[in-house]
PDB file of N, CA and C in Angstrom:
ATOM      1  N   MET A   1      13.958 -14.030   4.546  1.00  0.00           N
ATOM      2  CA  MET A   1      15.371 -13.572   4.721  1.00  0.00           C
ATOM      3  C   MET A   1      15.433 -12.964   5.991  1.00  0.00           C
ATOM      4  N   THR A   2      16.446 -13.481   6.905  1.00  0.00           N
ATOM      5  CA  THR A   2      16.696 -12.722   8.176  1.00  0.00           C
ATOM      6  C   THR A   2      17.487 -11.525   8.102  1.00  0.00           C
ATOM      7  N   LYS A   3      17.778 -10.957   9.228  1.00  0.00           N
ATOM      8  CA  LYS A   3      18.376  -9.646   9.296  1.00  0.00           C
ATOM      9  C   LYS A   3      19.912  -9.903   8.960  1.00  0.00           C
ATOM     10  N   GLU A   4      20.412 -11.026   9.407  1.00  0.00           N
ATOM     11  CA  GLU A   4      21.737 -11.316   9.218  1.00  0.00           C
ATOM     12  C   GLU A   4      22.070 -11.600   7.675  1.00  0.00           C
ATOM     13  N   GLU A   5      21.061 -12.397   6.989  1.00  0.00           N
ATOM     14  CA  GLU A   5      21.249 -12.552   5.489  1.00  0.00           C
ATOM     15  C   GLU A   5      21.130 -11.195   4.706  1.00  0.00           C
ATOM     16  N   LEU A   6      20.173 -10.461   5.119  1.00  0.00           N
ATOM     17  CA  LEU A   6      20.124  -9.155   4.655  1.00  0.00           C
ATOM     18  C   LEU A   6      21.434  -8.294   4.707  1.00  0.00           C
ATOM     19  N   THR A   7      22.129  -8.347   5.835  1.00  0.00           N
ATOM     20  CA  THR A   7      23.218  -7.563   6.172  1.00  0.00           C
ATOM     21  C   THR A   7      24.372  -8.122   5.192  1.00  0.00           C
ATOM     22  N   LYS A   8      24.494  -9.476   5.040  1.00  0.00           N
ATOM     23  CA  LYS A   8      25.362 -10.041   4.352  1.00  0.00           C
ATOM     24  C   LYS A   8      25.318  -9.727   2.779  1.00  0.00           C
ATOM     25  N   SER A   9      24.045  -9.823   2.241  1.00  0.00           N
ATOM     26  CA  SER A   9      23.685  -9.570   0.930  1.00  0.00           C
ATOM     27  C   SER A   9      23.928  -8.045   0.480  1.00  0.00           C
ATOM     28  N   VAL A  10      23.648  -7.033   1.277  1.00  0.00           N
ATOM     29  CA  VAL A  10      23.906  -5.617   1.201  1.00  0.00           C
ATOM     30  C   VAL A  10      25.479  -5.389   1.238  1.00  0.00           C
ATOM     31  N   ALA A  11      26.016  -5.976   2.112  1.00  0.00           N
ATOM     32  CA  ALA A  11      27.600  -5.833   2.163  1.00  0.00           C
ATOM     33  C   ALA A  11      28.151  -6.217   1.053  1.00  0.00           C
ATOM     34  N   ALA A  12      27.769  -7.446   0.476  1.00  0.00           N
ATOM     35  CA  ALA A  12      28.365  -8.204  -0.750  1.00  0.00           C
ATOM     36  C   ALA A  12      28.251  -7.171  -1.931  1.00  0.00           C
ATOM     37  N   GLN A  13      26.989  -6.607  -2.048  1.00  0.00           N
ATOM     38  CA  GLN A  13      26.599  -5.913  -3.258  1.00  0.00           C
ATOM     39  C   GLN A  13      27.360  -4.525  -3.274  1.00  0.00           C
ATOM     40  N   CYS A  14      27.554  -4.034  -1.941  1.00  0.00           N
ATOM     41  CA  CYS A  14      28.051  -2.592  -2.042  1.00  0.00           C
ATOM     42  C   CYS A  14      29.436  -2.622  -1.676  1.00  0.00           C
ATOM     43  N   GLY A  15      30.070  -3.722  -1.460  1.00  0.00           N
ATOM     44  CA  GLY A  15      31.435  -3.704  -1.130  1.00  0.00           C
ATOM     45  C   GLY A  15      31.793  -3.089   0.217  1.00  0.00           C
ATOM     46  N   ALA A  16      30.930  -3.196   1.258  1.00  0.00           N
ATOM     47  CA  ALA A  16      31.088  -2.580   2.500  1.00  0.00           C
ATOM     48  C   ALA A  16      31.212  -3.823   3.469  1.00  0.00           C
ATOM     49  N   THR A  17      31.668  -3.432   4.593  1.00  0.00           N
ATOM     50  CA  THR A  17      31.765  -4.439   5.763  1.00  0.00           C
ATOM     51  C   THR A  17      30.535  -4.735   6.377  1.00  0.00           C
ATOM     52  N   GLN A  18      30.290  -5.935   6.807  1.00  0.00           N
ATOM     53  CA  GLN A  18      29.050  -6.478   7.531  1.00  0.00           C
ATOM     54  C   GLN A  18      28.788  -5.506   8.668  1.00  0.00           C
ATOM     55  N   THR A  19      29.897  -5.243   9.317  1.00  0.00           N
ATOM     56  CA  THR A  19      29.629  -4.417  10.615  1.00  0.00           C
ATOM     57  C   THR A  19      29.067  -2.946  10.280  1.00  0.00           C
ATOM     58  N   SER A  20      29.596  -2.346   9.340  1.00  0.00           N
ATOM     59  CA  SER A  20      29.019  -1.044   8.939  1.00  0.00           C
ATOM     60  C   SER A  20      27.648  -1.227   8.350  1.00  0.00           C
ATOM     61  N   VAL A  21      27.407  -2.116   7.633  1.00  0.00           N
ATOM     62  CA  VAL A  21      26.028  -2.413   6.967  1.00  0.00           C
ATOM     63  C   VAL A  21      25.014  -2.684   8.315  1.00  0.00           C
ATOM     64  N   LYS A  22      25.433  -3.386   9.193  1.00  0.00           N
ATOM     65  CA  LYS A  22      24.769  -3.657  10.299  1.00  0.00           C
ATOM     66  C   LYS A  22      24.286  -2.468  11.178  1.00  0.00           C
ATOM     67  N   LYS A  23      25.320  -1.513  11.379  1.00  0.00           N
ATOM     68  CA  LYS A  23      25.147  -0.351  12.025  1.00  0.00           C
ATOM     69  C   LYS A  23      24.033   0.513  11.327  1.00  0.00           C
ATOM     70  N   ILE A  24      24.273   0.624   9.967  1.00  0.00           N
ATOM     71  CA  ILE A  24      23.329   1.344   9.133  1.00  0.00           C
ATOM     72  C   ILE A  24      21.917   0.885   9.277  1.00  0.00           C
ATOM     73  N   LEU A  25      21.853  -0.306   9.135  1.00  0.00           N
ATOM     74  CA  LEU A  25      20.555  -1.053   9.070  1.00  0.00           C
ATOM     75  C   LEU A  25      19.824  -0.823  10.442  1.00  0.00           C
ATOM     76  N   ASP A  26      20.571  -1.015  11.442  1.00  0.00           N
ATOM     77  CA  ASP A  26      19.990  -0.910  12.941  1.00  0.00           C
ATOM     78  C   ASP A  26      19.453   0.674  13.096  1.00  0.00           C
ATOM     79  N   ALA A  27      20.380   1.703  12.437  1.00  0.00           N
ATOM     80  CA  ALA A  27      19.845   3.117  12.587  1.00  0.00           C
ATOM     81  C   ALA A  27      18.622   3.295  11.751  1.00  0.00           C
ATOM     82  N   VAL A  28      18.616   2.853  10.511  1.00  0.00           N
ATOM     83  CA  VAL A  28      17.440   3.083   9.746  1.00  0.00           C
ATOM     84  C   VAL A  28      16.249   2.494  10.313  1.00  0.00           C
ATOM     85  N   LEU A  29      16.245   1.254  10.746  1.00  0.00           N
ATOM     86  CA  LEU A  29      15.138   0.446  11.396  1.00  0.00           C
ATOM     87  C   LEU A  29      14.625   1.160  12.780  1.00  0.00           C
ATOM     88  N   GLY A  30      15.729   1.569  13.433  1.00  0.00           N
ATOM     89  CA  GLY A  30      15.336   2.223  14.772  1.00  0.00           C
ATOM     90  C   GLY A  30      14.612   3.580  14.598  1.00  0.00           C
ATOM     91  N   THR A  31      15.220   4.356  13.511  1.00  0.00           N
ATOM     92  CA  THR A  31      14.521   5.661  13.222  1.00  0.00           C
ATOM     93  C   THR A  31      13.116   5.495  12.612  1.00  0.00           C
ATOM     94  N   ILE A  32      12.881   4.511  11.915  1.00  0.00           N
ATOM     95  CA  ILE A  32      11.414   4.259  11.384  1.00  0.00           C
ATOM     96  C   ILE A  32      10.677   3.726  12.535  1.00  0.00           C
ATOM     97  N   GLY A  33      11.109   2.867  13.610  1.00  0.00           N
ATOM     98  CA  GLY A  33      10.328   2.407  14.624  1.00  0.00           C
ATOM     99  C   GLY A  33       9.939   3.675  15.710  1.00  0.00           C
ATOM    100  N   ARG A  34      10.930   4.470  15.941  1.00  0.00           N
ATOM    101  CA  ARG A  34      10.731   5.641  16.804  1.00  0.00           C
ATOM    102  C   ARG A  34       9.665   6.567  16.180  1.00  0.00           C
ATOM    103  N   GLU A  35       9.822   6.928  14.894  1.00  0.00           N
ATOM    104  CA  GLU A  35       8.964   7.861  14.237  1.00  0.00           C
ATOM    105  C   GLU A  35       7.524   7.133  14.240  1.00  0.00           C
ATOM    106  N   VAL A  36       7.230   6.082  13.872  1.00  0.00           N
ATOM    107  CA  VAL A  36       6.077   5.357  13.851  1.00  0.00           C
ATOM    108  C   VAL A  36       5.508   5.170  15.134  1.00  0.00           C
ATOM    109  N   GLY A  37       6.329   5.111  16.123  1.00  0.00           N
ATOM    110  CA  GLY A  37       5.847   4.828  17.541  1.00  0.00           C
ATOM    111  C   GLY A  37       5.291   6.292  18.033  1.00  0.00           C
ATOM    112  N   LYS A  38       5.692   7.403  17.536  1.00  0.00           N
ATOM    113  CA  LYS A  38       5.164   8.640  17.845  1.00  0.00           C
ATOM    114  C   LYS A  38       4.059   8.949  17.102  1.00  0.00           C
ATOM    115  N   GLY A  39       3.563   8.137  16.103  1.00  0.00           N
ATOM    116  CA  GLY A  39       2.361   8.492  15.307  1.00  0.00           C
ATOM    117  C   GLY A  39       2.561   8.902  13.931  1.00  0.00           C
ATOM    118  N   ALA A  40       3.843   9.210  13.706  1.00  0.00           N
ATOM    119  CA  ALA A  40       4.123   9.792  12.373  1.00  0.00           C
ATOM    120  C   ALA A  40       4.103   8.575  11.227  1.00  0.00           C
ATOM    121  N   GLU A  41       3.898   9.014   9.940  1.00  0.00           N
ATOM    122  CA  GLU A  41       4.013   8.176   8.868  1.00  0.00           C
ATOM    123  C   GLU A  41       5.400   8.111   8.289  1.00  0.00           C
ATOM    124  N   VAL A  42       6.036   7.106   7.953  1.00  0.00           N
ATOM    125  CA  VAL A  42       7.336   7.140   7.331  1.00  0.00           C
ATOM    126  C   VAL A  42       7.185   6.685   5.947  1.00  0.00           C
ATOM    127  N   ILE A  43       7.550   7.499   4.840  1.00  0.00           N
ATOM    128  CA  ILE A  43       7.367   7.091   3.553  1.00  0.00           C
ATOM    129  C   ILE A  43       8.666   6.923   2.960  1.00  0.00           C
ATOM    130  N   VAL A  44       8.832   5.907   2.389  1.00  0.00           N
ATOM    131  CA  VAL A  44      10.022   5.505   1.671  1.00  0.00           C
ATOM    132  C   VAL A  44       9.766   5.494   0.070  1.00  0.00           C
ATOM    133  N   PRO A  45      10.151   6.666  -0.585  1.00  0.00           N
ATOM    134  CA  PRO A  45       9.844   6.699  -2.035  1.00  0.00           C
ATOM    135  C   PRO A  45      10.052   5.427  -2.905  1.00  0.00           C
ATOM    136  N   ASP A  46       9.231   5.035  -3.736  1.00  0.00           N
ATOM    137  CA  ASP A  46       9.343   3.689  -4.507  1.00  0.00           C
ATOM    138  C   ASP A  46       9.392   2.463  -3.715  1.00  0.00           C
ATOM    139  N   PHE A  47       9.076   2.508  -2.368  1.00  0.00           N
ATOM    140  CA  PHE A  47       9.119   1.366  -1.670  1.00  0.00           C
ATOM    141  C   PHE A  47       7.760   1.266  -0.944  1.00  0.00           C
ATOM    142  N   GLY A  48       7.437   2.055  -0.027  1.00  0.00           N
ATOM    143  CA  GLY A  48       6.180   1.953   0.716  1.00  0.00           C
ATOM    144  C   GLY A  48       6.018   2.882   1.784  1.00  0.00           C
ATOM    145  N   LYS A  49       5.009   2.747   2.766  1.00  0.00           N
ATOM    146  CA  LYS A  49       4.699   3.614   3.850  1.00  0.00           C
ATOM    147  C   LYS A  49       4.450   2.616   5.042  1.00  0.00           C
ATOM    148  N   PHE A  50       5.103   3.298   6.128  1.00  0.00           N
ATOM    149  CA  PHE A  50       4.864   2.634   7.506  1.00  0.00           C
ATOM    150  C   PHE A  50       3.953   3.631   8.143  1.00  0.00           C
ATOM    151  N   TYR A  51       2.774   3.188   8.861  1.00  0.00           N
ATOM    152  CA  TYR A  51       1.951   4.126   9.414  1.00  0.00           C
ATOM    153  C   TYR A  51       1.221   3.348  10.594  1.00  0.00           C
ATOM    154  N   THR A  52       0.373   4.061  11.471  1.00  0.00           N
ATOM    155  CA  THR A  52      -0.255   3.316  12.483  1.00  0.00           C
ATOM    156  C   THR A  52      -1.713   3.557  12.267  1.00  0.00           C
ATOM    157  N   ILE A  53      -2.408   2.520  12.700  1.00  0.00           N
ATOM    158  CA  ILE A  53      -3.910   2.796  12.811  1.00  0.00           C
ATOM    159  C   ILE A  53      -4.359   2.493  14.251  1.00  0.00           C
ATOM    160  N   GLU A  54      -5.555   2.978  14.566  1.00  0.00           N
ATOM    161  CA  GLU A  54      -6.093   2.812  15.900  1.00  0.00           C
ATOM    162  C   GLU A  54      -7.408   2.111  15.803  1.00  0.00           C
ATOM    163  N   LYS A  55      -7.471   1.241  16.694  1.00  0.00           N
ATOM    164  CA  LYS A  55      -8.725   0.270  16.862  1.00  0.00           C
ATOM    165  C   LYS A  55      -9.429   0.709  18.134  1.00  0.00           C
ATOM    166  N   PRO A  56     -10.774   1.175  18.128  1.00  0.00           N
ATOM    167  CA  PRO A  56     -11.137   1.664  19.380  1.00  0.00           C
ATOM    168  C   PRO A  56     -11.596   0.555  20.324  1.00  0.00           C
ATOM    169  N   ALA A  57     -11.874   0.833  21.499  1.00  0.00           N
ATOM    170  CA  ALA A  57     -12.322  -0.074  22.480  1.00  0.00           C
ATOM    171  C   ALA A  57     -13.760  -0.710  21.939  1.00  0.00           C
ATOM    172  N   ARG A  58     -14.027  -1.927  22.296  1.00  0.00           N
ATOM    173  CA  ARG A  58     -15.368  -2.616  21.763  1.00  0.00           C
ATOM    174  C   ARG A  58     -15.689  -3.603  22.833  1.00  0.00           C
ATOM    175  N   GLU A  59     -16.776  -3.963  22.832  1.00  0.00           N
ATOM    176  CA  GLU A  59     -17.445  -5.086  23.442  1.00  0.00           C
ATOM    177  C   GLU A  59     -17.501  -6.476  22.795  1.00  0.00           C
ATOM    178  N   VAL A  60     -16.914  -7.441  23.322  1.00  0.00           N
ATOM    179  CA  VAL A  60     -16.847  -8.717  22.724  1.00  0.00           C
ATOM    180  C   VAL A  60     -17.523  -9.758  23.669  1.00  0.00           C
ATOM    181  N   ARG A  61     -18.203 -10.888  23.010  1.00  0.00           N
ATOM    182  CA  ARG A  61     -18.816 -11.843  23.818  1.00  0.00           C
ATOM    183  C   ARG A  61     -17.823 -13.000  23.845  1.00  0.00           C
ATOM    184  N   ILE A  62     -17.483 -13.509  25.023  1.00  0.00           N
ATOM    185  CA  ILE A  62     -16.540 -14.634  25.189  1.00  0.00           C
ATOM    186  C   ILE A  62     -17.529 -15.858  25.313  1.00  0.00           C
ATOM    187  N   PRO A  63     -16.896 -17.161  25.103  1.00  0.00           N
ATOM    188  CA  PRO A  63     -17.674 -18.252  25.083  1.00  0.00           C
ATOM    189  C   PRO A  63     -18.475 -18.657  26.184  1.00  0.00           C
ATOM    190  N   ASN A  64     -18.236 -18.178  27.407  1.00  0.00           N
ATOM    191  CA  ASN A  64     -19.183 -18.428  28.498  1.00  0.00           C
ATOM    192  C   ASN A  64     -20.410 -17.454  28.542  1.00  0.00           C
ATOM    193  N   GLY A  65     -20.571 -16.596  27.594  1.00  0.00           N
ATOM    194  CA  GLY A  65     -21.736 -15.829  27.571  1.00  0.00           C
ATOM    195  C   GLY A  65     -21.492 -14.312  28.078  1.00  0.00           C
ATOM    196  N   ARG A  66     -20.425 -14.073  28.713  1.00  0.00           N
ATOM    197  CA  ARG A  66     -20.243 -12.747  29.324  1.00  0.00           C
ATOM    198  C   ARG A  66     -19.695 -11.765  28.182  1.00  0.00           C
ATOM    199  N   VAL A  67     -20.054 -10.554  28.375  1.00  0.00           N
ATOM    200  CA  VAL A  67     -19.624  -9.488  27.515  1.00  0.00           C
ATOM    201  C   VAL A  67     -18.463  -8.722  28.238  1.00  0.00           C
ATOM    202  N   VAL A  68     -17.315  -8.708  27.535  1.00  0.00           N
ATOM    203  CA  VAL A  68     -16.178  -7.979  28.167  1.00  0.00           C
ATOM    204  C   VAL A  68     -15.757  -6.872  27.112  1.00  0.00           C
ATOM    205  N   GLU A  69     -15.318  -5.834  27.623  1.00  0.00           N
ATOM    206  CA  GLU A  69     -14.836  -4.609  26.914  1.00  0.00           C
ATOM    207  C   GLU A  69     -13.337  -4.821  26.772  1.00  0.00           C
ATOM    208  N   THR A  70     -12.926  -4.627  25.378  1.00  0.00           N
ATOM    209  CA  THR A  70     -11.522  -4.758  25.032  1.00  0.00           C
ATOM    210  C   THR A  70     -10.920  -3.319  25.135  1.00  0.00           C
ATOM    211  N   ALA A  71      -9.817  -3.207  25.414  1.00  0.00           N
ATOM    212  CA  ALA A  71      -9.035  -1.845  25.213  1.00  0.00           C
ATOM    213  C   ALA A  71      -8.894  -1.411  23.954  1.00  0.00           C
ATOM    214  N   ALA A  72      -8.716  -0.069  23.801  1.00  0.00           N
ATOM    215  CA  ALA A  72      -8.308   0.355  22.398  1.00  0.00           C
ATOM    216  C   ALA A  72      -6.691   0.013  22.068  1.00  0.00           C
ATOM    217  N   LYS A  73      -6.459  -0.240  20.848  1.00  0.00           N
ATOM    218  CA  LYS A  73      -5.241  -0.756  20.567  1.00  0.00           C
ATOM    219  C   LYS A  73      -4.688   0.195  19.291  1.00  0.00           C
ATOM    220  N   THR A  74      -3.359   0.317  19.256  1.00  0.00           N
ATOM    221  CA  THR A  74      -2.573   0.915  18.094  1.00  0.00           C
ATOM    222  C   THR A  74      -1.788  -0.190  17.369  1.00  0.00           C
ATOM    223  N   PHE A  75      -2.021  -0.242  16.099  1.00  0.00           N
ATOM    224  CA  PHE A  75      -1.246  -1.309  15.347  1.00  0.00           C
ATOM    225  C   PHE A  75      -0.396  -0.450  14.183  1.00  0.00           C
ATOM    226  N   VAL A  76       0.812  -1.026  14.012  1.00  0.00           N
ATOM    227  CA  VAL A  76       1.696  -0.593  12.848  1.00  0.00           C
ATOM    228  C   VAL A  76       1.283  -1.273  11.596  1.00  0.00           C
ATOM    229  N   ARG A  77       1.151  -0.589  10.494  1.00  0.00           N
ATOM    230  CA  ARG A  77       0.902  -1.174   9.247  1.00  0.00           C
ATOM    231  C   ARG A  77       1.907  -0.769   8.121  1.00  0.00           C
ATOM    232  N   PHE A  78       2.257  -1.577   7.142  1.00  0.00           N
ATOM    233  CA  PHE A  78       3.077  -1.119   6.032  1.00  0.00           C
ATOM    234  C   PHE A  78       2.305  -1.434   4.688  1.00  0.00           C
ATOM    235  N   LYS A  79       2.373  -0.301   4.009  1.00  0.00           N
ATOM    236  CA  LYS A  79       1.757  -0.521   2.723  1.00  0.00           C
ATOM    237  C   LYS A  79       2.734  -0.464   1.653  1.00  0.00           C
ATOM    238  N   ALA A  80       2.934  -1.419   0.793  1.00  0.00           N
ATOM    239  CA  ALA A  80       4.018  -1.530  -0.197  1.00  0.00           C
ATOM    240  C   ALA A  80       3.381  -0.781  -1.392  1.00  0.00           C
ATOM    241  N   TYR A  81       4.175   0.007  -2.004  1.00  0.00           N
ATOM    242  CA  TYR A  81       3.847   0.787  -3.368  1.00  0.00           C
ATOM    243  C   TYR A  81       3.685  -0.342  -4.412  1.00  0.00           C
ATOM    244  N   THR A  82       2.738  -0.071  -5.315  1.00  0.00           N
ATOM    245  CA  THR A  82       2.636  -0.970  -6.441  1.00  0.00           C
ATOM    246  C   THR A  82       3.953  -1.139  -7.225  1.00  0.00           C
ATOM    247  N   ASN A  83       4.480   0.109  -7.383  1.00  0.00           N
ATOM    248  CA  ASN A  83       5.673   0.162  -8.268  1.00  0.00           C
ATOM    249  C   ASN A  83       7.076   0.160  -7.595  1.00  0.00           C
ATOM    250  N   ILE A  84       7.150  -0.723  -6.814  1.00  0.00           N
ATOM    251  CA  ILE A  84       8.276  -0.975  -5.950  1.00  0.00           C
ATOM    252  C   ILE A  84       9.498  -1.216  -6.893  1.00  0.00           C
ATOM    253  N   ARG A  85      10.464  -0.337  -6.802  1.00  0.00           N
ATOM    254  CA  ARG A  85      11.758  -0.472  -7.487  1.00  0.00           C
ATOM    255  C   ARG A  85      12.775  -1.242  -6.977  1.00  0.00           C
ATOM    256  N   TYR A  86      13.558  -1.918  -7.602  1.00  0.00           N
ATOM    257  CA  TYR A  86      14.638  -2.695  -7.082  1.00  0.00           C
ATOM    258  C   TYR A  86      16.057  -1.907  -7.095  1.00  0.00           C
ATOM    259  N   TYR A  87      16.482  -1.576  -5.878  1.00  0.00           N
ATOM    260  CA  TYR A  87      17.549  -0.628  -5.687  1.00  0.00           C
ATOM    261  C   TYR A  87      19.066  -1.204  -5.972  1.00  0.00           C
ATOM    262  N   SER A  88      19.151  -2.461  -5.988  1.00  0.00           N
ATOM    263  CA  SER A  88      20.561  -3.059  -5.901  1.00  0.00           C
ATOM    264  C   SER A  88      21.385  -2.610  -7.020  1.00  0.00           C
ATOM    265  N   ASP A  89      20.959  -2.394  -8.312  1.00  0.00           N
ATOM    266  CA  ASP A  89      21.939  -1.954  -9.382  1.00  0.00           C
ATOM    267  C   ASP A  89      21.893  -0.422  -9.302  1.00  0.00           C
ATOM    268  N   LYS A  90      20.927   0.263  -8.781  1.00  0.00           N
ATOM    269  CA  LYS A  90      20.963   1.666  -8.765  1.00  0.00           C
ATOM    270  C   LYS A  90      21.918   2.270  -7.794  1.00  0.00           C
ATOM    271  N   TYR A  91      21.966   1.742  -6.625  1.00  0.00           N
ATOM    272  CA  TYR A  91      22.830   2.460  -5.468  1.00  0.00           C
ATOM    273  C   TYR A  91      24.215   1.757  -5.155  1.00  0.00           C
ATOM    274  N   CYS A  92      24.374   0.382  -5.533  1.00  0.00           N
ATOM    275  CA  CYS A  92      25.484  -0.166  -5.116  1.00  0.00           C
ATOM    276  C   CYS A  92      26.219  -0.797  -6.542  1.00  0.00           C
ATOM    277  N   GLN A  93      27.513  -0.758  -6.460  1.00  0.00           N
ATOM    278  CA  GLN A  93      28.176  -1.402  -7.558  1.00  0.00           C
ATOM    279  C   GLN A  93      28.471  -2.825  -7.099  1.00  0.00           C
ATOM    280  N   ARG A  94      28.368  -3.677  -8.149  1.00  0.00           N
ATOM    281  CA  ARG A  94      28.777  -5.244  -8.005  1.00  0.00           C
ATOM    282  C   ARG A  94      30.177  -5.392  -8.323  1.00  0.00           C
TER     283      ARG A  94
END
């Protein structure tokens, strides 16, 4: 599902305009991105958790036999909760 499809679906379920839903979706995703970028965890109850992990620098051997050191990296991860609830009926009227 693309962002545009998500926006249309939410707008249809909630009886809102696509423009307002897009602004809200951009604000939510932007806030999650900024907070995770700072190293904070973002927990969405009954949905999942966004967090970062750090991979340390390490030495790797490349095909020509040289050993090269890679830089440390930070990755964003998402862990879905096993009891994800479906919100469409809970929060929006059809």
